[in-house]
Amino acid sequence: MTAVPKQAKIAALFKQAVVIPVLTIEKLEHAVPLAKALVAGGVRTLEVTLRTDAAVAAAKAIIAEVPDAIVGIGTILNPDDLSRAIALGAKFGISPGLTPELLKAAAASDLPFAPGIATASELMAALAAGFDTLKFFPAEQAGGIKALRALAGPFPNVRFCPTGGIGEANAATWLAEPNVLCVGGSWLCPAADIRSGNWAGITAICNSAMKSLKRP
């Protein structure tokens, strides 16, 4: 599979998702009920980050036990992480940044992949490797919507999933930008609710978000 069809696939996934929860799962026993709570609230496309010791087992459990979830792997930092995501059966991969080694491995793989960028130079490196659907991270800290609009000038065909500093208060503003396909964030599943097992509360947050976050 070449980068072009893979990019078309991840672009379609992002557009359909509207919002992708960034999941940092500390305990394996939280994985399946959390995913079920998100899916029940209308949020099916999930990013399980490789930030914890439980992450790989958590992603594996969700893929096996929550068939309605579209599971991607986030915080992919190197080719080994990419291989791990592929072995798990992830539907897509996301990185917070990029390196030449990671871009080369991702371009050679069959996994739909969105490298992370924060600058025009990083964006050009991603384009050179065949990637035009990208993560803009950390979105607010890297200049916010003004920065994204500035990048749209020289790079009109690039589309983004901004993540970082995005929550209930500003998600709709980001989604209104023509070069934004979806947004990522952790506000759909607060850490306190995960720790306490407040799955119904997470479902309610998701229901509310999916009703209010309509792309213009």
N, C-alpha and C. Protein backbone atom coordinates (compact mmCIF):
# COMPACT_ATOMS: atom_id res chain seq x y z
N MET A 1 0.85 -1.20 0.00
CA MET A 1 0.00 0.00 0.00
C MET A 1 0.88 1.25 0.00
N THR A 2 0.62 2.17 -0.91
CA THR A 2 1.42 3.39 -0.97
C THR A 2 0.87 4.41 0.01
N ALA A 3 1.65 5.49 0.21
CA ALA A 3 1.24 6.51 1.17
C ALA A 3 -0.05 7.20 0.76
N VAL A 4 -0.31 7.32 -0.55
CA VAL A 4 -1.50 8.05 -0.98
C VAL A 4 -2.79 7.37 -0.53
N PRO A 5 -3.01 6.08 -0.85
CA PRO A 5 -4.24 5.45 -0.35
C PRO A 5 -4.30 5.40 1.17
N LYS A 6 -3.16 5.21 1.81
CA LYS A 6 -3.16 5.20 3.28
C LYS A 6 -3.59 6.55 3.82
N GLN A 7 -3.14 7.62 3.19
CA GLN A 7 -3.52 8.95 3.64
C GLN A 7 -5.00 9.21 3.40
N ALA A 8 -5.51 8.73 2.28
CA ALA A 8 -6.94 8.88 2.01
C ALA A 8 -7.75 8.14 3.08
N LYS A 9 -7.24 6.99 3.49
CA LYS A 9 -7.96 6.19 4.49
C LYS A 9 -7.96 6.88 5.85
N ILE A 10 -6.81 7.40 6.26
CA ILE A 10 -6.77 8.04 7.58
C ILE A 10 -7.53 9.36 7.55
N ALA A 11 -7.52 10.04 6.42
CA ALA A 11 -8.31 11.27 6.30
C ALA A 11 -9.80 10.97 6.46
N ALA A 12 -10.26 9.89 5.86
CA ALA A 12 -11.67 9.50 5.99
C ALA A 12 -12.00 9.11 7.42
N LEU A 13 -11.08 8.40 8.08
CA LEU A 13 -11.28 8.02 9.48
C LEU A 13 -11.39 9.26 10.36
N PHE A 14 -10.49 10.21 10.16
CA PHE A 14 -10.48 11.43 10.96
C PHE A 14 -11.77 12.23 10.74
N LYS A 15 -12.17 12.37 9.49
CA LYS A 15 -13.35 13.18 9.19
C LYS A 15 -14.60 12.57 9.81
N GLN A 16 -14.68 11.25 9.75
CA GLN A 16 -15.84 10.57 10.34
C GLN A 16 -15.84 10.67 11.85
N ALA A 17 -14.64 10.69 12.45
CA ALA A 17 -14.54 10.67 13.91
C ALA A 17 -14.98 11.98 14.54
N VAL A 18 -14.67 13.11 13.93
CA VAL A 18 -14.90 14.46 14.44
C VAL A 18 -14.02 14.74 15.66
N VAL A 19 -14.12 13.89 16.67
CA VAL A 19 -13.26 14.05 17.85
C VAL A 19 -12.71 12.68 18.24
N ILE A 20 -11.40 12.64 18.52
CA ILE A 20 -10.74 11.40 18.90
C ILE A 20 -10.22 11.52 20.33
N PRO A 21 -10.73 10.71 21.24
CA PRO A 21 -10.22 10.77 22.60
C PRO A 21 -8.80 10.21 22.68
N VAL A 22 -7.94 10.93 23.37
CA VAL A 22 -6.56 10.49 23.59
C VAL A 22 -6.54 9.74 24.91
N LEU A 23 -6.36 8.42 24.85
CA LEU A 23 -6.52 7.57 26.03
C LEU A 23 -5.16 7.17 26.60
N THR A 24 -4.94 7.57 27.85
CA THR A 24 -3.76 7.15 28.60
C THR A 24 -4.26 6.21 29.68
N ILE A 25 -4.16 4.93 29.43
CA ILE A 25 -4.78 3.91 30.29
C ILE A 25 -3.73 3.36 31.26
N GLU A 26 -3.95 3.62 32.53
CA GLU A 26 -3.00 3.22 33.56
C GLU A 26 -3.18 1.77 34.00
N LYS A 27 -4.43 1.30 34.00
CA LYS A 27 -4.73 -0.05 34.48
C LYS A 27 -5.49 -0.83 33.42
N LEU A 28 -5.06 -2.05 33.19
CA LEU A 28 -5.67 -2.89 32.17
C LEU A 28 -7.17 -3.08 32.39
N GLU A 29 -7.57 -3.18 33.65
CA GLU A 29 -8.99 -3.43 33.93
C GLU A 29 -9.89 -2.26 33.53
N HIS A 30 -9.30 -1.11 33.28
CA HIS A 30 -10.10 0.05 32.84
C HIS A 30 -10.35 0.04 31.33
N ALA A 31 -9.55 -0.70 30.60
CA ALA A 31 -9.53 -0.56 29.14
C ALA A 31 -10.88 -0.85 28.49
N VAL A 32 -11.41 -2.02 28.71
CA VAL A 32 -12.64 -2.42 28.02
C VAL A 32 -13.85 -1.61 28.48
N PRO A 33 -14.07 -1.43 29.79
CA PRO A 33 -15.23 -0.60 30.17
C PRO A 33 -15.11 0.84 29.69
N LEU A 34 -13.90 1.38 29.64
CA LEU A 34 -13.72 2.73 29.12
C LEU A 34 -14.09 2.79 27.65
N ALA A 35 -13.59 1.85 26.87
CA ALA A 35 -13.91 1.83 25.45
C ALA A 35 -15.40 1.65 25.22
N LYS A 36 -16.03 0.79 25.99
CA LYS A 36 -17.48 0.58 25.84
C LYS A 36 -18.25 1.85 26.20
N ALA A 37 -17.79 2.58 27.20
CA ALA A 37 -18.45 3.83 27.59
C ALA A 37 -18.34 4.87 26.48
N LEU A 38 -17.18 4.95 25.86
CA LEU A 38 -16.97 5.90 24.76
C LEU A 38 -17.84 5.54 23.56
N VAL A 39 -17.84 4.28 23.19
CA VAL A 39 -18.63 3.83 22.04
C VAL A 39 -20.13 4.05 22.30
N ALA A 40 -20.56 3.80 23.54
CA ALA A 40 -21.97 4.02 23.88
C ALA A 40 -22.37 5.49 23.74
N GLY A 41 -21.38 6.38 23.89
CA GLY A 41 -21.64 7.81 23.73
C GLY A 41 -21.46 8.31 22.32
N GLY A 42 -21.24 7.39 21.38
CA GLY A 42 -21.11 7.77 19.98
C GLY A 42 -19.70 8.06 19.53
N VAL A 43 -18.71 7.78 20.38
CA VAL A 43 -17.30 8.02 20.05
C VAL A 43 -16.64 6.67 19.78
N ARG A 44 -16.42 6.37 18.52
CA ARG A 44 -15.94 5.04 18.14
C ARG A 44 -14.46 5.01 17.80
N THR A 45 -13.91 6.12 17.35
CA THR A 45 -12.51 6.16 16.93
C THR A 45 -11.65 6.56 18.11
N LEU A 46 -10.79 5.66 18.58
CA LEU A 46 -10.07 5.83 19.83
C LEU A 46 -8.56 5.80 19.58
N GLU A 47 -7.84 6.66 20.27
CA GLU A 47 -6.38 6.65 20.23
C GLU A 47 -5.85 6.17 21.57
N VAL A 48 -5.31 4.97 21.59
CA VAL A 48 -4.69 4.44 22.80
C VAL A 48 -3.21 4.79 22.74
N THR A 49 -2.75 5.60 23.68
CA THR A 49 -1.37 6.08 23.64
C THR A 49 -0.42 5.08 24.29
N LEU A 50 0.79 5.02 23.74
CA LEU A 50 1.82 4.14 24.30
C LEU A 50 2.60 4.87 25.39
N ARG A 51 1.86 5.34 26.41
CA ARG A 51 2.49 6.13 27.47
C ARG A 51 2.56 5.39 28.80
N THR A 52 1.97 4.22 28.87
CA THR A 52 1.93 3.49 30.14
C THR A 52 2.34 2.04 29.93
N ASP A 53 2.67 1.37 31.01
CA ASP A 53 3.02 -0.05 30.93
C ASP A 53 1.83 -0.90 30.49
N ALA A 54 0.62 -0.42 30.74
CA ALA A 54 -0.59 -1.18 30.41
C ALA A 54 -1.07 -0.95 28.98
N ALA A 55 -0.44 -0.03 28.26
CA ALA A 55 -0.99 0.43 26.99
C ALA A 55 -1.18 -0.68 25.96
N VAL A 56 -0.17 -1.49 25.75
CA VAL A 56 -0.24 -2.52 24.72
C VAL A 56 -1.32 -3.54 25.05
N ALA A 57 -1.34 -4.01 26.29
CA ALA A 57 -2.37 -4.98 26.70
C ALA A 57 -3.75 -4.35 26.65
N ALA A 58 -3.86 -3.06 26.99
CA ALA A 58 -5.14 -2.37 26.96
C ALA A 58 -5.66 -2.28 25.53
N ALA A 59 -4.80 -1.91 24.60
CA ALA A 59 -5.22 -1.83 23.20
C ALA A 59 -5.64 -3.19 22.68
N LYS A 60 -4.88 -4.21 23.04
CA LYS A 60 -5.19 -5.58 22.60
C LYS A 60 -6.56 -6.01 23.12
N ALA A 61 -6.84 -5.68 24.38
CA ALA A 61 -8.13 -6.06 24.97
C ALA A 61 -9.29 -5.34 24.29
N ILE A 62 -9.11 -4.04 24.02
CA ILE A 62 -10.18 -3.28 23.38
C ILE A 62 -10.45 -3.82 21.98
N ILE A 63 -9.39 -4.08 21.23
CA ILE A 63 -9.57 -4.62 19.88
C ILE A 63 -10.31 -5.94 19.91
N ALA A 64 -10.01 -6.78 20.90
CA ALA A 64 -10.62 -8.10 20.99
C ALA A 64 -12.05 -8.06 21.50
N GLU A 65 -12.35 -7.13 22.43
CA GLU A 65 -13.62 -7.20 23.16
C GLU A 65 -14.61 -6.08 22.84
N VAL A 66 -14.16 -5.07 22.09
CA VAL A 66 -15.08 -3.96 21.74
C VAL A 66 -15.04 -3.79 20.22
N PRO A 67 -15.76 -4.67 19.51
CA PRO A 67 -15.64 -4.68 18.06
C PRO A 67 -16.13 -3.40 17.37
N ASP A 68 -16.96 -2.63 18.03
CA ASP A 68 -17.45 -1.38 17.43
C ASP A 68 -16.44 -0.24 17.52
N ALA A 69 -15.38 -0.44 18.28
CA ALA A 69 -14.35 0.59 18.41
C ALA A 69 -13.36 0.51 17.24
N ILE A 70 -12.96 1.66 16.75
CA ILE A 70 -11.91 1.77 15.74
C ILE A 70 -10.65 2.21 16.48
N VAL A 71 -9.76 1.28 16.71
CA VAL A 71 -8.65 1.51 17.64
C VAL A 71 -7.37 1.88 16.88
N GLY A 72 -6.85 3.04 17.22
CA GLY A 72 -5.54 3.46 16.72
C GLY A 72 -4.55 3.54 17.87
N ILE A 73 -3.29 3.57 17.53
CA ILE A 73 -2.23 3.67 18.53
C ILE A 73 -1.56 5.03 18.41
N GLY A 74 -1.44 5.72 19.54
CA GLY A 74 -0.81 7.02 19.58
C GLY A 74 0.50 7.00 20.33
N THR A 75 1.19 8.13 20.34
CA THR A 75 2.51 8.27 20.93
C THR A 75 3.48 7.25 20.32
N ILE A 76 3.39 7.09 19.01
CA ILE A 76 4.36 6.27 18.28
C ILE A 76 5.61 7.12 18.07
N LEU A 77 6.70 6.71 18.66
CA LEU A 77 7.91 7.53 18.68
C LEU A 77 9.02 7.02 17.77
N ASN A 78 8.94 5.75 17.36
CA ASN A 78 10.04 5.16 16.59
C ASN A 78 9.53 3.95 15.81
N PRO A 79 10.34 3.38 14.94
CA PRO A 79 9.89 2.23 14.16
C PRO A 79 9.45 1.04 15.00
N ASP A 80 10.05 0.84 16.16
CA ASP A 80 9.63 -0.27 17.02
C ASP A 80 8.20 -0.07 17.51
N ASP A 81 7.87 1.16 17.89
CA ASP A 81 6.49 1.44 18.30
C ASP A 81 5.53 1.21 17.14
N LEU A 82 5.94 1.59 15.94
CA LEU A 82 5.10 1.39 14.76
C LEU A 82 4.86 -0.10 14.53
N SER A 83 5.91 -0.91 14.66
CA SER A 83 5.77 -2.35 14.49
C SER A 83 4.83 -2.93 15.54
N ARG A 84 4.92 -2.40 16.75
CA ARG A 84 4.04 -2.85 17.83
C ARG A 84 2.58 -2.55 17.50
N ALA A 85 2.32 -1.37 16.96
CA ALA A 85 0.95 -0.99 16.59
C ALA A 85 0.41 -1.91 15.50
N ILE A 86 1.25 -2.21 14.52
CA ILE A 86 0.83 -3.09 13.43
C ILE A 86 0.53 -4.48 13.95
N ALA A 87 1.40 -4.99 14.83
CA ALA A 87 1.20 -6.33 15.39
C ALA A 87 -0.09 -6.43 16.20
N LEU A 88 -0.47 -5.34 16.84
CA LEU A 88 -1.70 -5.32 17.63
C LEU A 88 -2.95 -5.35 16.75
N GLY A 89 -2.82 -4.97 15.50
CA GLY A 89 -3.98 -4.88 14.62
C GLY A 89 -4.64 -3.51 14.66
N ALA A 90 -3.87 -2.49 15.00
CA ALA A 90 -4.41 -1.13 15.04
C ALA A 90 -4.90 -0.71 13.66
N LYS A 91 -5.93 0.14 13.64
CA LYS A 91 -6.47 0.64 12.38
C LYS A 91 -5.72 1.85 11.87
N PHE A 92 -5.02 2.54 12.75
CA PHE A 92 -4.23 3.70 12.36
C PHE A 92 -3.20 3.98 13.43
N GLY A 93 -2.24 4.84 13.08
CA GLY A 93 -1.21 5.25 14.03
C GLY A 93 -1.03 6.75 14.02
N ILE A 94 -0.64 7.30 15.16
CA ILE A 94 -0.41 8.73 15.30
C ILE A 94 0.86 8.95 16.11
N SER A 95 1.66 9.92 15.68
CA SER A 95 2.85 10.27 16.46
C SER A 95 2.77 11.73 16.87
N PRO A 96 3.41 12.10 17.97
CA PRO A 96 3.43 13.50 18.38
C PRO A 96 4.40 14.34 17.57
N GLY A 97 5.33 13.68 16.89
CA GLY A 97 6.32 14.37 16.09
C GLY A 97 6.80 13.45 14.98
N LEU A 98 7.97 13.72 14.45
CA LEU A 98 8.49 12.87 13.38
C LEU A 98 10.01 12.84 13.41
N THR A 99 10.54 11.74 12.90
CA THR A 99 11.97 11.59 12.65
C THR A 99 12.11 10.98 11.27
N PRO A 100 13.26 11.13 10.62
CA PRO A 100 13.44 10.48 9.32
C PRO A 100 13.22 8.97 9.38
N GLU A 101 13.66 8.35 10.47
CA GLU A 101 13.52 6.90 10.60
C GLU A 101 12.05 6.49 10.71
N LEU A 102 11.30 7.25 11.49
CA LEU A 102 9.89 6.93 11.66
C LEU A 102 9.11 7.16 10.37
N LEU A 103 9.39 8.26 9.68
CA LEU A 103 8.71 8.53 8.41
C LEU A 103 9.00 7.45 7.39
N LYS A 104 10.24 7.00 7.33
CA LYS A 104 10.61 5.95 6.37
C LYS A 104 9.88 4.66 6.69
N ALA A 105 9.83 4.29 7.97
CA ALA A 105 9.16 3.05 8.36
C ALA A 105 7.65 3.14 8.11
N ALA A 106 7.07 4.29 8.42
CA ALA A 106 5.63 4.46 8.23
C ALA A 106 5.27 4.46 6.75
N ALA A 107 6.11 5.07 5.91
CA ALA A 107 5.84 5.09 4.48
C ALA A 107 5.92 3.68 3.88
N ALA A 108 6.77 2.84 4.45
CA ALA A 108 6.93 1.48 3.94
C ALA A 108 5.89 0.51 4.48
N SER A 109 5.15 0.92 5.50
CA SER A 109 4.18 0.02 6.14
C SER A 109 2.80 0.18 5.50
N ASP A 110 1.90 -0.71 5.88
CA ASP A 110 0.52 -0.64 5.41
C ASP A 110 -0.39 0.11 6.38
N LEU A 111 0.15 0.60 7.48
CA LEU A 111 -0.68 1.23 8.52
C LEU A 111 -0.98 2.68 8.15
N PRO A 112 -2.25 3.07 8.07
CA PRO A 112 -2.57 4.49 7.91
C PRO A 112 -1.97 5.27 9.08
N PHE A 113 -1.25 6.33 8.77
CA PHE A 113 -0.42 6.97 9.79
C PHE A 113 -0.45 8.48 9.64
N ALA A 114 -0.53 9.18 10.77
CA ALA A 114 -0.50 10.64 10.80
C ALA A 114 0.67 11.09 11.65
N PRO A 115 1.75 11.56 11.04
CA PRO A 115 2.86 12.09 11.84
C PRO A 115 2.50 13.43 12.45
N GLY A 116 3.13 13.75 13.56
CA GLY A 116 2.88 15.01 14.23
C GLY A 116 3.83 16.10 13.76
N ILE A 117 3.29 17.31 13.61
CA ILE A 117 4.14 18.45 13.22
C ILE A 117 3.74 19.67 14.05
N ALA A 118 4.71 20.59 14.21
CA ALA A 118 4.42 21.86 14.88
C ALA A 118 4.96 23.04 14.09
N THR A 119 5.75 22.75 13.03
CA THR A 119 6.38 23.82 12.26
C THR A 119 6.26 23.54 10.77
N ALA A 120 6.52 24.58 9.96
CA ALA A 120 6.50 24.42 8.51
C ALA A 120 7.57 23.45 8.03
N SER A 121 8.73 23.48 8.66
CA SER A 121 9.81 22.57 8.25
C SER A 121 9.43 21.11 8.49
N GLU A 122 8.83 20.85 9.65
CA GLU A 122 8.37 19.48 9.93
C GLU A 122 7.29 19.07 8.94
N LEU A 123 6.39 20.00 8.61
CA LEU A 123 5.33 19.71 7.65
C LEU A 123 5.93 19.35 6.29
N MET A 124 6.95 20.07 5.87
CA MET A 124 7.60 19.79 4.60
C MET A 124 8.27 18.41 4.60
N ALA A 125 8.84 18.03 5.72
CA ALA A 125 9.44 16.70 5.83
C ALA A 125 8.37 15.62 5.70
N ALA A 126 7.21 15.85 6.33
CA ALA A 126 6.12 14.89 6.23
C ALA A 126 5.62 14.78 4.79
N LEU A 127 5.45 15.92 4.13
CA LEU A 127 5.00 15.92 2.73
C LEU A 127 5.99 15.18 1.84
N ALA A 128 7.27 15.41 2.07
CA ALA A 128 8.30 14.76 1.26
C ALA A 128 8.25 13.24 1.38
N ALA A 129 7.77 12.76 2.53
CA ALA A 129 7.66 11.32 2.75
C ALA A 129 6.30 10.77 2.29
N GLY A 130 5.42 11.66 1.81
CA GLY A 130 4.14 11.22 1.28
C GLY A 130 2.95 11.37 2.20
N PHE A 131 3.11 12.14 3.27
CA PHE A 131 2.03 12.28 4.26
C PHE A 131 1.44 13.69 4.21
N ASP A 132 0.13 13.77 3.97
CA ASP A 132 -0.53 15.08 3.92
C ASP A 132 -1.71 15.19 4.89
N THR A 133 -1.91 14.17 5.71
CA THR A 133 -2.88 14.22 6.80
C THR A 133 -2.07 14.08 8.09
N LEU A 134 -2.06 15.14 8.89
CA LEU A 134 -1.08 15.25 9.97
C LEU A 134 -1.73 15.58 11.30
N LYS A 135 -1.02 15.30 12.35
CA LYS A 135 -1.38 15.76 13.69
C LYS A 135 -0.67 17.10 13.93
N PHE A 136 -1.42 18.10 14.37
CA PHE A 136 -0.82 19.38 14.75
C PHE A 136 -0.72 19.39 16.26
N PHE A 137 0.53 19.32 16.76
CA PHE A 137 0.74 19.12 18.19
C PHE A 137 2.02 19.83 18.64
N PRO A 138 1.98 20.45 19.82
CA PRO A 138 0.81 20.70 20.68
C PRO A 138 0.05 21.92 20.16
N ALA A 139 -1.19 21.74 19.82
CA ALA A 139 -1.93 22.71 19.01
C ALA A 139 -1.98 24.12 19.60
N GLU A 140 -2.48 24.24 20.81
CA GLU A 140 -2.58 25.57 21.42
C GLU A 140 -1.20 26.15 21.72
N GLN A 141 -0.33 25.33 22.23
CA GLN A 141 0.99 25.79 22.64
C GLN A 141 1.88 26.13 21.43
N ALA A 142 1.58 25.55 20.28
CA ALA A 142 2.38 25.79 19.07
C ALA A 142 1.87 26.96 18.24
N GLY A 143 0.97 27.74 18.81
CA GLY A 143 0.48 28.92 18.10
C GLY A 143 -1.01 28.96 17.85
N GLY A 144 -1.68 27.86 18.19
CA GLY A 144 -3.14 27.85 18.10
C GLY A 144 -3.67 28.00 16.68
N ILE A 145 -4.89 28.47 16.59
CA ILE A 145 -5.56 28.58 15.30
C ILE A 145 -4.84 29.56 14.36
N LYS A 146 -4.23 30.60 14.92
CA LYS A 146 -3.48 31.53 14.06
C LYS A 146 -2.34 30.81 13.34
N ALA A 147 -1.67 29.92 14.04
CA ALA A 147 -0.58 29.17 13.41
C ALA A 147 -1.13 28.22 12.34
N LEU A 148 -2.24 27.58 12.64
CA LEU A 148 -2.83 26.65 11.68
C LEU A 148 -3.26 27.39 10.41
N ARG A 149 -3.84 28.56 10.58
CA ARG A 149 -4.24 29.36 9.42
C ARG A 149 -3.03 29.81 8.61
N ALA A 150 -1.96 30.12 9.29
CA ALA A 150 -0.74 30.52 8.59
C ALA A 150 -0.19 29.37 7.75
N LEU A 151 -0.24 28.15 8.27
CA LEU A 151 0.24 27.00 7.53
C LEU A 151 -0.65 26.69 6.32
N ALA A 152 -1.91 27.08 6.39
CA ALA A 152 -2.83 26.81 5.28
C ALA A 152 -2.44 27.57 4.02
N GLY A 153 -1.73 28.70 4.18
CA GLY A 153 -1.34 29.48 3.01
C GLY A 153 -0.41 28.73 2.08
N PRO A 154 0.79 28.36 2.53
CA PRO A 154 1.71 27.63 1.65
C PRO A 154 1.38 26.15 1.49
N PHE A 155 0.52 25.62 2.35
CA PHE A 155 0.19 24.19 2.30
C PHE A 155 -1.33 24.00 2.27
N PRO A 156 -1.98 24.41 1.19
CA PRO A 156 -3.45 24.44 1.17
C PRO A 156 -4.10 23.06 1.15
N ASN A 157 -3.37 22.03 0.77
CA ASN A 157 -3.97 20.70 0.65
C ASN A 157 -3.73 19.81 1.86
N VAL A 158 -3.03 20.32 2.86
CA VAL A 158 -2.74 19.53 4.05
C VAL A 158 -3.91 19.62 5.03
N ARG A 159 -4.27 18.50 5.63
CA ARG A 159 -5.36 18.45 6.61
C ARG A 159 -4.82 17.96 7.95
N PHE A 160 -5.49 18.39 9.03
CA PHE A 160 -4.94 18.20 10.36
C PHE A 160 -5.93 17.60 11.35
N CYS A 161 -5.33 16.93 12.36
CA CYS A 161 -6.01 16.60 13.61
C CYS A 161 -5.26 17.35 14.71
N PRO A 162 -5.69 18.55 15.06
CA PRO A 162 -5.03 19.28 16.14
C PRO A 162 -5.28 18.61 17.49
N THR A 163 -4.25 18.55 18.29
CA THR A 163 -4.33 17.96 19.63
C THR A 163 -3.39 18.72 20.54
N GLY A 164 -3.84 18.95 21.77
CA GLY A 164 -3.01 19.65 22.74
C GLY A 164 -3.66 20.96 23.13
N GLY A 165 -4.24 21.01 24.32
CA GLY A 165 -4.91 22.21 24.77
C GLY A 165 -6.32 22.38 24.23
N ILE A 166 -6.85 21.33 23.62
CA ILE A 166 -8.20 21.39 23.06
C ILE A 166 -9.17 20.68 24.00
N GLY A 167 -10.29 21.34 24.28
CA GLY A 167 -11.28 20.78 25.18
C GLY A 167 -12.68 21.22 24.79
N GLU A 168 -13.59 21.05 25.70
CA GLU A 168 -15.00 21.35 25.43
C GLU A 168 -15.19 22.81 25.01
N ALA A 169 -14.43 23.73 25.59
CA ALA A 169 -14.65 25.15 25.37
C ALA A 169 -14.21 25.62 23.99
N ASN A 170 -13.21 24.95 23.39
CA ASN A 170 -12.69 25.45 22.11
C ASN A 170 -12.70 24.44 20.97
N ALA A 171 -13.20 23.24 21.20
CA ALA A 171 -13.18 22.22 20.15
C ALA A 171 -13.96 22.66 18.91
N ALA A 172 -15.12 23.25 19.11
CA ALA A 172 -15.95 23.67 17.97
C ALA A 172 -15.24 24.73 17.13
N THR A 173 -14.49 25.62 17.78
CA THR A 173 -13.76 26.66 17.05
C THR A 173 -12.69 26.04 16.16
N TRP A 174 -11.99 25.06 16.66
CA TRP A 174 -10.99 24.36 15.86
C TRP A 174 -11.65 23.62 14.69
N LEU A 175 -12.75 22.95 14.95
CA LEU A 175 -13.41 22.17 13.90
C LEU A 175 -13.96 23.05 12.78
N ALA A 176 -14.17 24.33 13.07
CA ALA A 176 -14.68 25.25 12.05
C ALA A 176 -13.63 25.61 11.01
N GLU A 177 -12.35 25.31 11.29
CA GLU A 177 -11.29 25.62 10.34
C GLU A 177 -11.34 24.65 9.16
N PRO A 178 -11.23 25.15 7.93
CA PRO A 178 -11.37 24.28 6.75
C PRO A 178 -10.29 23.22 6.61
N ASN A 179 -9.13 23.42 7.23
CA ASN A 179 -8.08 22.40 7.11
C ASN A 179 -8.03 21.46 8.32
N VAL A 180 -9.09 21.45 9.12
CA VAL A 180 -9.18 20.56 10.28
C VAL A 180 -10.20 19.46 10.00
N LEU A 181 -9.77 18.21 10.08
CA LEU A 181 -10.67 17.07 9.88
C LEU A 181 -11.32 16.63 11.18
N CYS A 182 -10.55 16.71 12.28
CA CYS A 182 -11.06 16.29 13.59
C CYS A 182 -10.14 16.91 14.63
N VAL A 183 -10.51 16.76 15.87
CA VAL A 183 -9.65 17.21 16.96
C VAL A 183 -9.41 16.04 17.91
N GLY A 184 -8.31 16.11 18.63
CA GLY A 184 -8.01 15.11 19.64
C GLY A 184 -7.96 15.75 21.00
N GLY A 185 -8.28 14.97 22.01
CA GLY A 185 -8.24 15.51 23.36
C GLY A 185 -8.64 14.47 24.38
N SER A 186 -8.39 14.80 25.64
CA SER A 186 -8.69 13.84 26.71
C SER A 186 -9.89 14.27 27.55
N TRP A 187 -10.54 15.37 27.17
CA TRP A 187 -11.63 15.87 28.01
C TRP A 187 -12.85 14.97 27.99
N LEU A 188 -12.98 14.10 26.98
CA LEU A 188 -14.12 13.19 26.91
C LEU A 188 -14.08 12.12 28.00
N CYS A 189 -12.91 11.87 28.52
CA CYS A 189 -12.77 10.82 29.53
C CYS A 189 -11.83 11.31 30.63
N PRO A 190 -12.32 12.16 31.52
CA PRO A 190 -11.48 12.71 32.60
C PRO A 190 -10.82 11.60 33.42
N ALA A 191 -9.58 11.85 33.80
CA ALA A 191 -8.83 10.85 34.56
C ALA A 191 -9.54 10.45 35.85
N ALA A 192 -10.19 11.42 36.48
CA ALA A 192 -10.89 11.11 37.73
C ALA A 192 -12.04 10.14 37.49
N ASP A 193 -12.74 10.31 36.36
CA ASP A 193 -13.84 9.40 36.04
C ASP A 193 -13.34 8.00 35.71
N ILE A 194 -12.18 7.94 35.05
CA ILE A 194 -11.60 6.62 34.76
C ILE A 194 -11.21 5.93 36.05
N ARG A 195 -10.54 6.65 36.93
CA ARG A 195 -10.09 6.06 38.19
C ARG A 195 -11.26 5.58 39.04
N SER A 196 -12.37 6.34 39.03
CA SER A 196 -13.52 5.97 39.86
C SER A 196 -14.49 5.02 39.16
N GLY A 197 -14.24 4.75 37.88
CA GLY A 197 -15.14 3.86 37.14
C GLY A 197 -16.47 4.51 36.80
N ASN A 198 -16.46 5.80 36.62
CA ASN A 198 -17.70 6.52 36.28
C ASN A 198 -17.96 6.43 34.78
N TRP A 199 -18.27 5.23 34.32
CA TRP A 199 -18.45 4.99 32.89
C TRP A 199 -19.69 5.69 32.35
N ALA A 200 -20.74 5.73 33.16
CA ALA A 200 -21.95 6.42 32.72
C ALA A 200 -21.68 7.92 32.52
N GLY A 201 -20.85 8.48 33.39
CA GLY A 201 -20.50 9.89 33.25
C GLY A 201 -19.73 10.16 31.97
N ILE A 202 -18.82 9.25 31.63
CA ILE A 202 -18.05 9.40 30.39
C ILE A 202 -18.97 9.29 29.18
N THR A 203 -19.90 8.35 29.21
CA THR A 203 -20.86 8.22 28.11
C THR A 203 -21.68 9.49 27.95
N ALA A 204 -22.07 10.09 29.05
CA ALA A 204 -22.86 11.32 29.00
C ALA A 204 -22.05 12.46 28.39
N ILE A 205 -20.78 12.58 28.76
CA ILE A 205 -19.91 13.61 28.19
C ILE A 205 -19.80 13.41 26.67
N CYS A 206 -19.63 12.16 26.26
CA CYS A 206 -19.48 11.86 24.83
C CYS A 206 -20.77 12.17 24.07
N ASN A 207 -21.90 11.78 24.63
CA ASN A 207 -23.18 12.08 23.98
C ASN A 207 -23.35 13.58 23.76
N SER A 208 -23.02 14.34 24.77
CA SER A 208 -23.15 15.79 24.68
C SER A 208 -22.21 16.37 23.62
N ALA A 209 -20.96 15.88 23.62
CA ALA A 209 -19.97 16.38 22.68
C ALA A 209 -20.35 16.06 21.24
N MET A 210 -20.81 14.86 20.99
CA MET A 210 -21.12 14.46 19.63
C MET A 210 -22.36 15.19 19.09
N LYS A 211 -23.24 15.60 19.99
CA LYS A 211 -24.40 16.38 19.56
C LYS A 211 -24.03 17.83 19.25
N SER A 212 -23.06 18.36 20.00
CA SER A 212 -22.73 19.77 19.84
C SER A 212 -21.63 20.04 18.81
N LEU A 213 -20.75 19.07 18.61
CA LEU A 213 -19.61 19.29 17.71
C LEU A 213 -19.97 18.88 16.30
N LYS A 214 -20.68 19.74 15.63
CA LYS A 214 -21.05 19.52 14.24
C LYS A 214 -20.17 20.39 13.36
N ARG A 215 -19.52 19.76 12.40
CA ARG A 215 -18.68 20.53 11.50
C ARG A 215 -19.55 21.40 10.61
N PRO A 216 -19.20 22.70 10.46
CA PRO A 216 -20.01 23.60 9.62
C PRO A 216 -20.10 23.12 8.18
